[in-house]
């Protein structure tokens, strides 16, 4: 869904599990290993 896709985009932007298509495929099925807070983009907001 849209929120999961946004989390996926944020994770690959962080550089985790981006070494191969295999990594990316596995990441789509392990999104619960990450926490994501949409719209939080600075230390102050955090």
ModelCIF file with pLDDT and N, C-alpha, C, O atoms, coordinates in Angstrom:
data_MODEL
#
_entry.id   MODEL 
#
_entity.id                         1 
_entity.type                       polymer 
_entity.pdbx_number_of_molecules   1 
#
_entity_poly.entity_id                      1 
_entity_poly.type                           'polypeptide(L)' 
_entity_poly.nstd_linkage                   no 
_entity_poly.nstd_monomer                   no 
_entity_poly.pdbx_seq_one_letter_code       
;(UNK)(UNK)(UNK)(UNK)(UNK)(UNK)(UNK)(UNK)(UNK)(UNK)(UNK)(UNK)(UNK)(UNK)(UNK)(UNK)
(UNK)(UNK)(UNK)(UNK)(UNK)(UNK)(UNK)(UNK)(UNK)(UNK)(UNK)(UNK)(UNK)(UNK)(UNK)(UNK)
(UNK)(UNK)(UNK)(UNK)(UNK)(UNK)(UNK)(UNK)(UNK)(UNK)(UNK)(UNK)(UNK)(UNK)
;
_entity_poly.pdbx_seq_one_letter_code_can   XXXXXXXXXXXXXXXXXXXXXXXXXXXXXXXXXXXXXXXXXXXXXX 
_entity_poly.pdbx_strand_id                 A 
#
loop_
_entity_poly_seq.entity_id 
_entity_poly_seq.num 
_entity_poly_seq.mon_id 
_entity_poly_seq.hetero 
1 1  UNK n 
1 2  UNK n 
1 3  UNK n 
1 4  UNK n 
1 5  UNK n 
1 6  UNK n 
1 7  UNK n 
1 8  UNK n 
1 9  UNK n 
1 10 UNK n 
1 11 UNK n 
1 12 UNK n 
1 13 UNK n 
1 14 UNK n 
1 15 UNK n 
1 16 UNK n 
1 17 UNK n 
1 18 UNK n 
1 19 UNK n 
1 20 UNK n 
1 21 UNK n 
1 22 UNK n 
1 23 UNK n 
1 24 UNK n 
1 25 UNK n 
1 26 UNK n 
1 27 UNK n 
1 28 UNK n 
1 29 UNK n 
1 30 UNK n 
1 31 UNK n 
1 32 UNK n 
1 33 UNK n 
1 34 UNK n 
1 35 UNK n 
1 36 UNK n 
1 37 UNK n 
1 38 UNK n 
1 39 UNK n 
1 40 UNK n 
1 41 UNK n 
1 42 UNK n 
1 43 UNK n 
1 44 UNK n 
1 45 UNK n 
1 46 UNK n 
#
_struct_asym.id          A 
_struct_asym.entity_id   1 
#
loop_
_ma_qa_metric.id 
_ma_qa_metric.mode 
_ma_qa_metric.name 
_ma_qa_metric.software_group_id 
_ma_qa_metric.type 
1 global pLDDT . pLDDT 
2 local  pLDDT . pLDDT 
#
_ma_qa_metric_global.metric_id      1 
_ma_qa_metric_global.metric_value   97.48 
_ma_qa_metric_global.model_id       1 
_ma_qa_metric_global.ordinal_id     1 
#
loop_
_ma_qa_metric_local.label_asym_id 
_ma_qa_metric_local.label_comp_id 
_ma_qa_metric_local.label_seq_id 
_ma_qa_metric_local.metric_id 
_ma_qa_metric_local.metric_value 
_ma_qa_metric_local.model_id 
_ma_qa_metric_local.ordinal_id 
A UNK 1  2 97.00 1 1  
A UNK 2  2 96.00 1 2  
A UNK 3  2 97.00 1 3  
A UNK 4  2 98.00 1 4  
A UNK 5  2 97.00 1 5  
A UNK 6  2 97.00 1 6  
A UNK 7  2 98.00 1 7  
A UNK 8  2 98.00 1 8  
A UNK 9  2 98.00 1 9  
A UNK 10 2 98.00 1 10 
A UNK 11 2 98.00 1 11 
A UNK 12 2 98.00 1 12 
A UNK 13 2 97.00 1 13 
A UNK 14 2 97.00 1 14 
A UNK 15 2 96.00 1 15 
A UNK 16 2 95.00 1 16 
A UNK 17 2 96.00 1 17 
A UNK 18 2 97.00 1 18 
A UNK 19 2 96.00 1 19 
A UNK 20 2 97.00 1 20 
A UNK 21 2 98.00 1 21 
A UNK 22 2 98.00 1 22 
A UNK 23 2 98.00 1 23 
A UNK 24 2 98.00 1 24 
A UNK 25 2 98.00 1 25 
A UNK 26 2 98.00 1 26 
A UNK 27 2 98.00 1 27 
A UNK 28 2 98.00 1 28 
A UNK 29 2 97.00 1 29 
A UNK 30 2 98.00 1 30 
A UNK 31 2 98.00 1 31 
A UNK 32 2 98.00 1 32 
A UNK 33 2 98.00 1 33 
A UNK 34 2 98.00 1 34 
A UNK 35 2 98.00 1 35 
A UNK 36 2 98.00 1 36 
A UNK 37 2 98.00 1 37 
A UNK 38 2 97.00 1 38 
A UNK 39 2 97.00 1 39 
A UNK 40 2 98.00 1 40 
A UNK 41 2 97.00 1 41 
A UNK 42 2 98.00 1 42 
A UNK 43 2 98.00 1 43 
A UNK 44 2 97.00 1 44 
A UNK 45 2 98.00 1 45 
A UNK 46 2 98.00 1 46 
#
loop_
_atom_site.group_PDB 
_atom_site.id 
_atom_site.type_symbol 
_atom_site.label_atom_id 
_atom_site.label_alt_id 
_atom_site.label_comp_id 
_atom_site.label_asym_id 
_atom_site.label_entity_id 
_atom_site.label_seq_id 
_atom_site.pdbx_PDB_ins_code 
_atom_site.Cartn_x 
_atom_site.Cartn_y 
_atom_site.Cartn_z 
_atom_site.occupancy 
_atom_site.B_iso_or_equiv 
_atom_site.pdbx_formal_charge 
_atom_site.auth_seq_id 
_atom_site.auth_comp_id 
_atom_site.auth_asym_id 
_atom_site.auth_atom_id 
_atom_site.pdbx_PDB_model_num 
ATOM 1   N N  . UNK A 1 1  ? 0.852  -1.189  0.000  1.00 97.00 ? 1  UNK A N  1 
ATOM 2   C CA . UNK A 1 1  ? 0.000  0.000   0.000  1.00 97.00 ? 1  UNK A CA 1 
ATOM 3   C C  . UNK A 1 1  ? 0.889  1.241   0.000  1.00 97.00 ? 1  UNK A C  1 
ATOM 4   O O  . UNK A 1 1  ? 2.114  1.123   0.041  1.00 97.00 ? 1  UNK A O  1 
ATOM 5   N N  . UNK A 1 2  ? 0.291  2.417   -0.045 1.00 96.00 ? 2  UNK A N  1 
ATOM 6   C CA . UNK A 1 2  ? 1.067  3.644   -0.209 1.00 96.00 ? 2  UNK A CA 1 
ATOM 7   C C  . UNK A 1 2  ? 2.034  3.884   0.943  1.00 96.00 ? 2  UNK A C  1 
ATOM 8   O O  . UNK A 1 2  ? 3.173  4.295   0.720  1.00 96.00 ? 2  UNK A O  1 
ATOM 9   N N  . UNK A 1 3  ? 1.594  3.633   2.167  1.00 97.00 ? 3  UNK A N  1 
ATOM 10  C CA . UNK A 1 3  ? 2.471  3.859   3.320  1.00 97.00 ? 3  UNK A CA 1 
ATOM 11  C C  . UNK A 1 3  ? 3.645  2.880   3.314  1.00 97.00 ? 3  UNK A C  1 
ATOM 12  O O  . UNK A 1 3  ? 4.760  3.246   3.683  1.00 97.00 ? 3  UNK A O  1 
ATOM 13  N N  . UNK A 1 4  ? 3.399  1.643   2.899  1.00 98.00 ? 4  UNK A N  1 
ATOM 14  C CA . UNK A 1 4  ? 4.484  0.658   2.822  1.00 98.00 ? 4  UNK A CA 1 
ATOM 15  C C  . UNK A 1 4  ? 5.466  1.029   1.721  1.00 98.00 ? 4  UNK A C  1 
ATOM 16  O O  . UNK A 1 4  ? 6.673  0.846   1.876  1.00 98.00 ? 4  UNK A O  1 
ATOM 17  N N  . UNK A 1 5  ? 4.956  1.550   0.608  1.00 97.00 ? 5  UNK A N  1 
ATOM 18  C CA . UNK A 1 5  ? 5.826  1.963   -0.482 1.00 97.00 ? 5  UNK A CA 1 
ATOM 19  C C  . UNK A 1 5  ? 6.702  3.137   -0.058 1.00 97.00 ? 5  UNK A C  1 
ATOM 20  O O  . UNK A 1 5  ? 7.877  3.197   -0.421 1.00 97.00 ? 5  UNK A O  1 
ATOM 21  N N  . UNK A 1 6  ? 6.137  4.072   0.709  1.00 97.00 ? 6  UNK A N  1 
ATOM 22  C CA . UNK A 1 6  ? 6.916  5.201   1.220  1.00 97.00 ? 6  UNK A CA 1 
ATOM 23  C C  . UNK A 1 6  ? 8.008  4.713   2.169  1.00 97.00 ? 6  UNK A C  1 
ATOM 24  O O  . UNK A 1 6  ? 9.123  5.235   2.154  1.00 97.00 ? 6  UNK A O  1 
ATOM 25  N N  . UNK A 1 7  ? 7.693  3.721   2.991  1.00 98.00 ? 7  UNK A N  1 
ATOM 26  C CA . UNK A 1 7  ? 8.701  3.147   3.890  1.00 98.00 ? 7  UNK A CA 1 
ATOM 27  C C  . UNK A 1 7  ? 9.815  2.485   3.082  1.00 98.00 ? 7  UNK A C  1 
ATOM 28  O O  . UNK A 1 7  ? 10.995 2.655   3.387  1.00 98.00 ? 7  UNK A O  1 
ATOM 29  N N  . UNK A 1 8  ? 9.438  1.733   2.053  1.00 98.00 ? 8  UNK A N  1 
ATOM 30  C CA . UNK A 1 8  ? 10.424 1.087   1.182  1.00 98.00 ? 8  UNK A CA 1 
ATOM 31  C C  . UNK A 1 8  ? 11.359 2.127   0.573  1.00 98.00 ? 8  UNK A C  1 
ATOM 32  O O  . UNK A 1 8  ? 12.575 1.935   0.556  1.00 98.00 ? 8  UNK A O  1 
ATOM 33  N N  . UNK A 1 9  ? 10.800 3.224   0.074  1.00 98.00 ? 9  UNK A N  1 
ATOM 34  C CA . UNK A 1 9  ? 11.612 4.290   -0.528 1.00 98.00 ? 9  UNK A CA 1 
ATOM 35  C C  . UNK A 1 9  ? 12.572 4.885   0.492  1.00 98.00 ? 9  UNK A C  1 
ATOM 36  O O  . UNK A 1 9  ? 13.725 5.168   0.169  1.00 98.00 ? 9  UNK A O  1 
ATOM 37  N N  . UNK A 1 10 ? 12.100 5.076   1.732  1.00 98.00 ? 10 UNK A N  1 
ATOM 38  C CA . UNK A 1 10 ? 12.940 5.655   2.766  1.00 98.00 ? 10 UNK A CA 1 
ATOM 39  C C  . UNK A 1 10 ? 14.090 4.718   3.129  1.00 98.00 ? 10 UNK A C  1 
ATOM 40  O O  . UNK A 1 10 ? 15.216 5.163   3.350  1.00 98.00 ? 10 UNK A O  1 
ATOM 41  N N  . UNK A 1 11 ? 13.800 3.426   3.188  1.00 98.00 ? 11 UNK A N  1 
ATOM 42  C CA . UNK A 1 11 ? 14.844 2.450   3.549  1.00 98.00 ? 11 UNK A CA 1 
ATOM 43  C C  . UNK A 1 11 ? 15.927 2.404   2.480  1.00 98.00 ? 11 UNK A C  1 
ATOM 44  O O  . UNK A 1 11 ? 17.114 2.419   2.809  1.00 98.00 ? 11 UNK A O  1 
ATOM 45  N N  . UNK A 1 12 ? 15.541 2.349   1.199  1.00 98.00 ? 12 UNK A N  1 
ATOM 46  C CA . UNK A 1 12 ? 16.571 2.281   0.161  1.00 98.00 ? 12 UNK A CA 1 
ATOM 47  C C  . UNK A 1 12 ? 17.332 3.599   0.070  1.00 98.00 ? 12 UNK A C  1 
ATOM 48  O O  . UNK A 1 12 ? 18.490 3.617   -0.347 1.00 98.00 ? 12 UNK A O  1 
ATOM 49  N N  . UNK A 1 13 ? 16.687 4.712   0.459  1.00 97.00 ? 13 UNK A N  1 
ATOM 50  C CA . UNK A 1 13 ? 17.407 5.988   0.505  1.00 97.00 ? 13 UNK A CA 1 
ATOM 51  C C  . UNK A 1 13 ? 18.483 5.954   1.588  1.00 97.00 ? 13 UNK A C  1 
ATOM 52  O O  . UNK A 1 13 ? 19.513 6.617   1.470  1.00 97.00 ? 13 UNK A O  1 
ATOM 53  N N  . UNK A 1 14 ? 18.236 5.178   2.644  1.00 97.00 ? 14 UNK A N  1 
ATOM 54  C CA . UNK A 1 14 ? 19.226 5.057   3.717  1.00 97.00 ? 14 UNK A CA 1 
ATOM 55  C C  . UNK A 1 14 ? 20.383 4.153   3.319  1.00 97.00 ? 14 UNK A C  1 
ATOM 56  O O  . UNK A 1 14 ? 21.412 4.130   3.993  1.00 97.00 ? 14 UNK A O  1 
ATOM 57  N N  . UNK A 1 15 ? 20.223 3.403   2.221  1.00 96.00 ? 15 UNK A N  1 
ATOM 58  C CA . UNK A 1 15 ? 21.293 2.560   1.717  1.00 96.00 ? 15 UNK A CA 1 
ATOM 59  C C  . UNK A 1 15 ? 21.248 1.127   2.195  1.00 96.00 ? 15 UNK A C  1 
ATOM 60  O O  . UNK A 1 15 ? 22.145 0.349   1.871  1.00 96.00 ? 15 UNK A O  1 
ATOM 61  N N  . UNK A 1 16 ? 20.225 0.749   2.960  1.00 95.00 ? 16 UNK A N  1 
ATOM 62  C CA . UNK A 1 16 ? 20.137 -0.627  3.450  1.00 95.00 ? 16 UNK A CA 1 
ATOM 63  C C  . UNK A 1 16 ? 19.452 -1.526  2.417  1.00 95.00 ? 16 UNK A C  1 
ATOM 64  O O  . UNK A 1 16 ? 18.459 -1.148  1.794  1.00 95.00 ? 16 UNK A O  1 
ATOM 65  N N  . UNK A 1 17 ? 20.008 -2.714  2.258  1.00 96.00 ? 17 UNK A N  1 
ATOM 66  C CA . UNK A 1 17 ? 19.453 -3.749  1.369  1.00 96.00 ? 17 UNK A CA 1 
ATOM 67  C C  . UNK A 1 17 ? 19.260 -3.238  -0.057 1.00 96.00 ? 17 UNK A C  1 
ATOM 68  O O  . UNK A 1 17 ? 18.197 -3.399  -0.656 1.00 96.00 ? 17 UNK A O  1 
ATOM 69  N N  . UNK A 1 18 ? 20.308 -2.621  -0.579 1.00 97.00 ? 18 UNK A N  1 
ATOM 70  C CA . UNK A 1 18 ? 20.256 -2.087  -1.944 1.00 97.00 ? 18 UNK A CA 1 
ATOM 71  C C  . UNK A 1 18 ? 21.366 -2.656  -2.826 1.00 97.00 ? 18 UNK A C  1 
ATOM 72  O O  . UNK A 1 18 ? 21.579 -2.167  -3.935 1.00 97.00 ? 18 UNK A O  1 
ATOM 73  N N  . UNK A 1 19 ? 22.074 -3.682  -2.352 1.00 96.00 ? 19 UNK A N  1 
ATOM 74  C CA . UNK A 1 19 ? 23.226 -4.187  -3.084 1.00 96.00 ? 19 UNK A CA 1 
ATOM 75  C C  . UNK A 1 19 ? 22.893 -4.974  -4.331 1.00 96.00 ? 19 UNK A C  1 
ATOM 76  O O  . UNK A 1 19 ? 23.746 -5.143  -5.203 1.00 96.00 ? 19 UNK A O  1 
ATOM 77  N N  . UNK A 1 20 ? 21.663 -5.460  -4.433 1.00 97.00 ? 20 UNK A N  1 
ATOM 78  C CA . UNK A 1 20 ? 21.274 -6.281  -5.584 1.00 97.00 ? 20 UNK A CA 1 
ATOM 79  C C  . UNK A 1 20 ? 19.756 -6.332  -5.661 1.00 97.00 ? 20 UNK A C  1 
ATOM 80  O O  . UNK A 1 20 ? 19.062 -5.918  -4.733 1.00 97.00 ? 20 UNK A O  1 
ATOM 81  N N  . UNK A 1 21 ? 19.248 -6.845  -6.775 1.00 98.00 ? 21 UNK A N  1 
ATOM 82  C CA . UNK A 1 21 ? 17.803 -7.047  -6.897 1.00 98.00 ? 21 UNK A CA 1 
ATOM 83  C C  . UNK A 1 21 ? 17.335 -8.052  -5.848 1.00 98.00 ? 21 UNK A C  1 
ATOM 84  O O  . UNK A 1 21 ? 16.230 -7.937  -5.318 1.00 98.00 ? 21 UNK A O  1 
ATOM 85  N N  . UNK A 1 22 ? 18.179 -9.035  -5.552 1.00 98.00 ? 22 UNK A N  1 
ATOM 86  C CA . UNK A 1 22 ? 17.860 -10.005 -4.495 1.00 98.00 ? 22 UNK A CA 1 
ATOM 87  C C  . UNK A 1 22 ? 17.612 -9.290  -3.165 1.00 98.00 ? 22 UNK A C  1 
ATOM 88  O O  . UNK A 1 22 ? 16.641 -9.595  -2.474 1.00 98.00 ? 22 UNK A O  1 
ATOM 89  N N  . UNK A 1 23 ? 18.473 -8.350  -2.805 1.00 98.00 ? 23 UNK A N  1 
ATOM 90  C CA . UNK A 1 23 ? 18.287 -7.575  -1.570 1.00 98.00 ? 23 UNK A CA 1 
ATOM 91  C C  . UNK A 1 23 ? 16.968 -6.808  -1.596 1.00 98.00 ? 23 UNK A C  1 
ATOM 92  O O  . UNK A 1 23 ? 16.226 -6.798  -0.613 1.00 98.00 ? 23 UNK A O  1 
ATOM 93  N N  . UNK A 1 24 ? 16.686 -6.173  -2.716 1.00 98.00 ? 24 UNK A N  1 
ATOM 94  C CA . UNK A 1 24 ? 15.470 -5.364  -2.835 1.00 98.00 ? 24 UNK A CA 1 
ATOM 95  C C  . UNK A 1 24 ? 14.223 -6.238  -2.732 1.00 98.00 ? 24 UNK A C  1 
ATOM 96  O O  . UNK A 1 24 ? 13.233 -5.846  -2.115 1.00 98.00 ? 24 UNK A O  1 
ATOM 97  N N  . UNK A 1 25 ? 14.276 -7.423  -3.340 1.00 98.00 ? 25 UNK A N  1 
ATOM 98  C CA . UNK A 1 25 ? 13.147 -8.350  -3.265 1.00 98.00 ? 25 UNK A CA 1 
ATOM 99  C C  . UNK A 1 25 ? 12.898 -8.762  -1.818 1.00 98.00 ? 25 UNK A C  1 
ATOM 100 O O  . UNK A 1 25 ? 11.760 -8.756  -1.350 1.00 98.00 ? 25 UNK A O  1 
ATOM 101 N N  . UNK A 1 26 ? 13.968 -9.118  -1.116 1.00 98.00 ? 26 UNK A N  1 
ATOM 102 C CA . UNK A 1 26 ? 13.818 -9.510  0.284  1.00 98.00 ? 26 UNK A CA 1 
ATOM 103 C C  . UNK A 1 26 ? 13.347 -8.352  1.155  1.00 98.00 ? 26 UNK A C  1 
ATOM 104 O O  . UNK A 1 26 ? 12.601 -8.556  2.113  1.00 98.00 ? 26 UNK A O  1 
ATOM 105 N N  . UNK A 1 27 ? 13.779 -7.145  0.826  1.00 98.00 ? 27 UNK A N  1 
ATOM 106 C CA . UNK A 1 27 ? 13.357 -5.987  1.606  1.00 98.00 ? 27 UNK A CA 1 
ATOM 107 C C  . UNK A 1 27 ? 11.844 -5.791  1.538  1.00 98.00 ? 27 UNK A C  1 
ATOM 108 O O  . UNK A 1 27 ? 11.225 -5.446  2.544  1.00 98.00 ? 27 UNK A O  1 
ATOM 109 N N  . UNK A 1 28 ? 11.246 -6.004  0.379  1.00 98.00 ? 28 UNK A N  1 
ATOM 110 C CA . UNK A 1 28 ? 9.788  -5.810  0.252  1.00 98.00 ? 28 UNK A CA 1 
ATOM 111 C C  . UNK A 1 28 ? 9.018  -6.702  1.216  1.00 98.00 ? 28 UNK A C  1 
ATOM 112 O O  . UNK A 1 28 ? 7.884  -6.389  1.581  1.00 98.00 ? 28 UNK A O  1 
ATOM 113 N N  . UNK A 1 29 ? 9.625  -7.815  1.633  1.00 97.00 ? 29 UNK A N  1 
ATOM 114 C CA . UNK A 1 29 ? 8.954  -8.775  2.505  1.00 97.00 ? 29 UNK A CA 1 
ATOM 115 C C  . UNK A 1 29 ? 9.425  -8.685  3.957  1.00 97.00 ? 29 UNK A C  1 
ATOM 116 O O  . UNK A 1 29 ? 9.082  -9.530  4.784  1.00 97.00 ? 29 UNK A O  1 
ATOM 117 N N  . UNK A 1 30 ? 10.220 -7.644  4.255  1.00 98.00 ? 30 UNK A N  1 
ATOM 118 C CA . UNK A 1 30 ? 10.742 -7.468  5.614  1.00 98.00 ? 30 UNK A CA 1 
ATOM 119 C C  . UNK A 1 30 ? 10.601 -6.021  6.092  1.00 98.00 ? 30 UNK A C  1 
ATOM 120 O O  . UNK A 1 30 ? 11.409 -5.547  6.890  1.00 98.00 ? 30 UNK A O  1 
ATOM 121 N N  . UNK A 1 31 ? 9.596  -5.338  5.612  1.00 98.00 ? 31 UNK A N  1 
ATOM 122 C CA . UNK A 1 31 ? 9.424  -3.933  5.982  1.00 98.00 ? 31 UNK A CA 1 
ATOM 123 C C  . UNK A 1 31 ? 9.129  -3.754  7.466  1.00 98.00 ? 31 UNK A C  1 
ATOM 124 O O  . UNK A 1 31 ? 9.345  -2.674  8.017  1.00 98.00 ? 31 UNK A O  1 
ATOM 125 N N  . UNK A 1 32 ? 8.634  -4.814  8.121  1.00 98.00 ? 32 UNK A N  1 
ATOM 126 C CA . UNK A 1 32 ? 8.347  -4.702  9.551  1.00 98.00 ? 32 UNK A CA 1 
ATOM 127 C C  . UNK A 1 32 ? 9.625  -4.664  10.388 1.00 98.00 ? 32 UNK A C  1 
ATOM 128 O O  . UNK A 1 32 ? 9.558  -4.500  11.606 1.00 98.00 ? 32 UNK A O  1 
ATOM 129 N N  . UNK A 1 33 ? 10.778 -4.814  9.756  1.00 98.00 ? 33 UNK A N  1 
ATOM 130 C CA . UNK A 1 33 ? 12.062 -4.693  10.461 1.00 98.00 ? 33 UNK A CA 1 
ATOM 131 C C  . UNK A 1 33 ? 12.479 -3.238  10.619 1.00 98.00 ? 33 UNK A C  1 
ATOM 132 O O  . UNK A 1 33 ? 13.529 -2.949  11.193 1.00 98.00 ? 33 UNK A O  1 
ATOM 133 N N  . UNK A 1 34 ? 11.660 -2.325  10.112 1.00 98.00 ? 34 UNK A N  1 
ATOM 134 C CA . UNK A 1 34 ? 11.987 -0.902  10.156 1.00 98.00 ? 34 UNK A CA 1 
ATOM 135 C C  . UNK A 1 34 ? 10.795 -0.111  10.692 1.00 98.00 ? 34 UNK A C  1 
ATOM 136 O O  . UNK A 1 34 ? 9.639  -0.499  10.527 1.00 98.00 ? 34 UNK A O  1 
ATOM 137 N N  . UNK A 1 35 ? 11.118 1.018   11.343 1.00 98.00 ? 35 UNK A N  1 
ATOM 138 C CA . UNK A 1 35 ? 10.093 1.975   11.755 1.00 98.00 ? 35 UNK A CA 1 
ATOM 139 C C  . UNK A 1 35 ? 10.204 3.192   10.852 1.00 98.00 ? 35 UNK A C  1 
ATOM 140 O O  . UNK A 1 35 ? 11.306 3.620   10.507 1.00 98.00 ? 35 UNK A O  1 
ATOM 141 N N  . UNK A 1 36 ? 9.067  3.742   10.472 1.00 98.00 ? 36 UNK A N  1 
ATOM 142 C CA . UNK A 1 36 ? 9.060  4.885   9.561  1.00 98.00 ? 36 UNK A CA 1 
ATOM 143 C C  . UNK A 1 36 ? 8.031  5.904   10.022 1.00 98.00 ? 36 UNK A C  1 
ATOM 144 O O  . UNK A 1 36 ? 6.874  5.571   10.280 1.00 98.00 ? 36 UNK A O  1 
ATOM 145 N N  . UNK A 1 37 ? 8.475  7.154   10.122 1.00 98.00 ? 37 UNK A N  1 
ATOM 146 C CA . UNK A 1 37 ? 7.585  8.246   10.524 1.00 98.00 ? 37 UNK A CA 1 
ATOM 147 C C  . UNK A 1 37 ? 7.515  9.245   9.380  1.00 98.00 ? 37 UNK A C  1 
ATOM 148 O O  . UNK A 1 37 ? 8.439  10.027  9.157  1.00 98.00 ? 37 UNK A O  1 
ATOM 149 N N  . UNK A 1 38 ? 6.406  9.203   8.664  1.00 97.00 ? 38 UNK A N  1 
ATOM 150 C CA . UNK A 1 38 ? 6.224  10.027  7.480  1.00 97.00 ? 38 UNK A CA 1 
ATOM 151 C C  . UNK A 1 38 ? 6.220  11.511  7.840  1.00 97.00 ? 38 UNK A C  1 
ATOM 152 O O  . UNK A 1 38 ? 5.616  11.919  8.833  1.00 97.00 ? 38 UNK A O  1 
ATOM 153 N N  . UNK A 1 39 ? 6.902  12.311  7.020  1.00 97.00 ? 39 UNK A N  1 
ATOM 154 C CA . UNK A 1 39 ? 6.897  13.759  7.193  1.00 97.00 ? 39 UNK A CA 1 
ATOM 155 C C  . UNK A 1 39 ? 7.893  14.300  8.196  1.00 97.00 ? 39 UNK A C  1 
ATOM 156 O O  . UNK A 1 39 ? 8.039  15.517  8.306  1.00 97.00 ? 39 UNK A O  1 
ATOM 157 N N  . UNK A 1 40 ? 8.579  13.450  8.928  1.00 98.00 ? 40 UNK A N  1 
ATOM 158 C CA . UNK A 1 40 ? 9.584  13.896  9.897  1.00 98.00 ? 40 UNK A CA 1 
ATOM 159 C C  . UNK A 1 40 ? 10.921 13.993  9.175  1.00 98.00 ? 40 UNK A C  1 
ATOM 160 O O  . UNK A 1 40 ? 11.508 12.977  8.801  1.00 98.00 ? 40 UNK A O  1 
ATOM 161 N N  . UNK A 1 41 ? 11.400 15.224  8.981  1.00 97.00 ? 41 UNK A N  1 
ATOM 162 C CA . UNK A 1 41 ? 12.590 15.413  8.141  1.00 97.00 ? 41 UNK A CA 1 
ATOM 163 C C  . UNK A 1 41 ? 13.686 16.233  8.805  1.00 97.00 ? 41 UNK A C  1 
ATOM 164 O O  . UNK A 1 41 ? 14.612 16.676  8.125  1.00 97.00 ? 41 UNK A O  1 
ATOM 165 N N  . UNK A 1 42 ? 13.605 16.448  10.128 1.00 98.00 ? 42 UNK A N  1 
ATOM 166 C CA . UNK A 1 42 ? 14.651 17.200  10.810 1.00 98.00 ? 42 UNK A CA 1 
ATOM 167 C C  . UNK A 1 42 ? 14.763 16.726  12.259 1.00 98.00 ? 42 UNK A C  1 
ATOM 168 O O  . UNK A 1 42 ? 13.840 16.115  12.799 1.00 98.00 ? 42 UNK A O  1 
ATOM 169 N N  . UNK A 1 43 ? 15.912 17.019  12.879 1.00 98.00 ? 43 UNK A N  1 
ATOM 170 C CA . UNK A 1 43 ? 16.117 16.639  14.277 1.00 98.00 ? 43 UNK A CA 1 
ATOM 171 C C  . UNK A 1 43 ? 15.097 17.312  15.182 1.00 98.00 ? 43 UNK A C  1 
ATOM 172 O O  . UNK A 1 43 ? 14.617 16.701  16.137 1.00 98.00 ? 43 UNK A O  1 
ATOM 173 N N  . UNK A 1 44 ? 14.763 18.559  14.893 1.00 97.00 ? 44 UNK A N  1 
ATOM 174 C CA . UNK A 1 44 ? 13.794 19.264  15.736 1.00 97.00 ? 44 UNK A CA 1 
ATOM 175 C C  . UNK A 1 44 ? 12.421 18.595  15.667 1.00 97.00 ? 44 UNK A C  1 
ATOM 176 O O  . UNK A 1 44 ? 11.779 18.385  16.696 1.00 97.00 ? 44 UNK A O  1 
ATOM 177 N N  . UNK A 1 45 ? 11.976 18.265  14.470 1.00 98.00 ? 45 UNK A N  1 
ATOM 178 C CA . UNK A 1 45 ? 10.683 17.583  14.326 1.00 98.00 ? 45 UNK A CA 1 
ATOM 179 C C  . UNK A 1 45 ? 10.703 16.225  15.020 1.00 98.00 ? 45 UNK A C  1 
ATOM 180 O O  . UNK A 1 45 ? 9.716  15.814  15.630 1.00 98.00 ? 45 UNK A O  1 
ATOM 181 N N  . UNK A 1 46 ? 11.828 15.541  14.919 1.00 98.00 ? 46 UNK A N  1 
ATOM 182 C CA . UNK A 1 46 ? 11.952 14.237  15.571 1.00 98.00 ? 46 UNK A CA 1 
ATOM 183 C C  . UNK A 1 46 ? 11.880 14.380  17.085 1.00 98.00 ? 46 UNK A C  1 
ATOM 184 O O  . UNK A 1 46 ? 11.966 13.384  17.804 1.00 98.00 ? 46 UNK A O  1 
#
